[in-house]
Amino acid sequence: MSRSEARRFTLTPRNTAILAVGVIGVAAVVILPQRSDAAANNGNGAAAVPTVNCPAVAPALANINIPASAQAEVDRNLKLLDTQIAESNNRLRTSVGQGGPAFIQNAILGPLAGKRQSTLDRIAIAIGRQGVKPQGLGALATCTLAN
């Protein structure tokens, strides 16, 4: 047979087995129903998805003299902290059932703590440029889960 001639597909026992596995796999994906929220929550109908619970930063800044030149940057970073929490809560909702026992800590809470630490450092640096740099904001970086 020359290279220009097309090879015909022959149905051998090996090809039949491969084809059957492929068809079954596709059928399982198409036919199996997705787990509803009620099924995920053992039928009780209540949302069992935890949420992120982070220490409030604004009250910690209440007793600190924030220079007027730093106020806009501080406000922007406080909004960023809220956005980070919202993104983490969304990730918790969309990843129910994924990963192993340490998934939430490794994939959500750990990275969130790192992002919050960076944002808190930016707040302290902004204040410290024109005033007294606040100490101890890093203690507010770690979040927990609330049900």
Foldseek 3Di string as FASTA:
>chain_A
DDPVDDDDDDDDVVNVVVVVVVVVVVCCVVPDDDQDQCVLVVNPPDHPQWAKAFDQDVVVCPPPDADPQLVVVLVVLNVVLVVLRVVLRVVSVVQPPDDDPCCCVVPRQVVQLVVNQVSQVSSQVSRVVVHPRDPDSSVRSGIDIDD
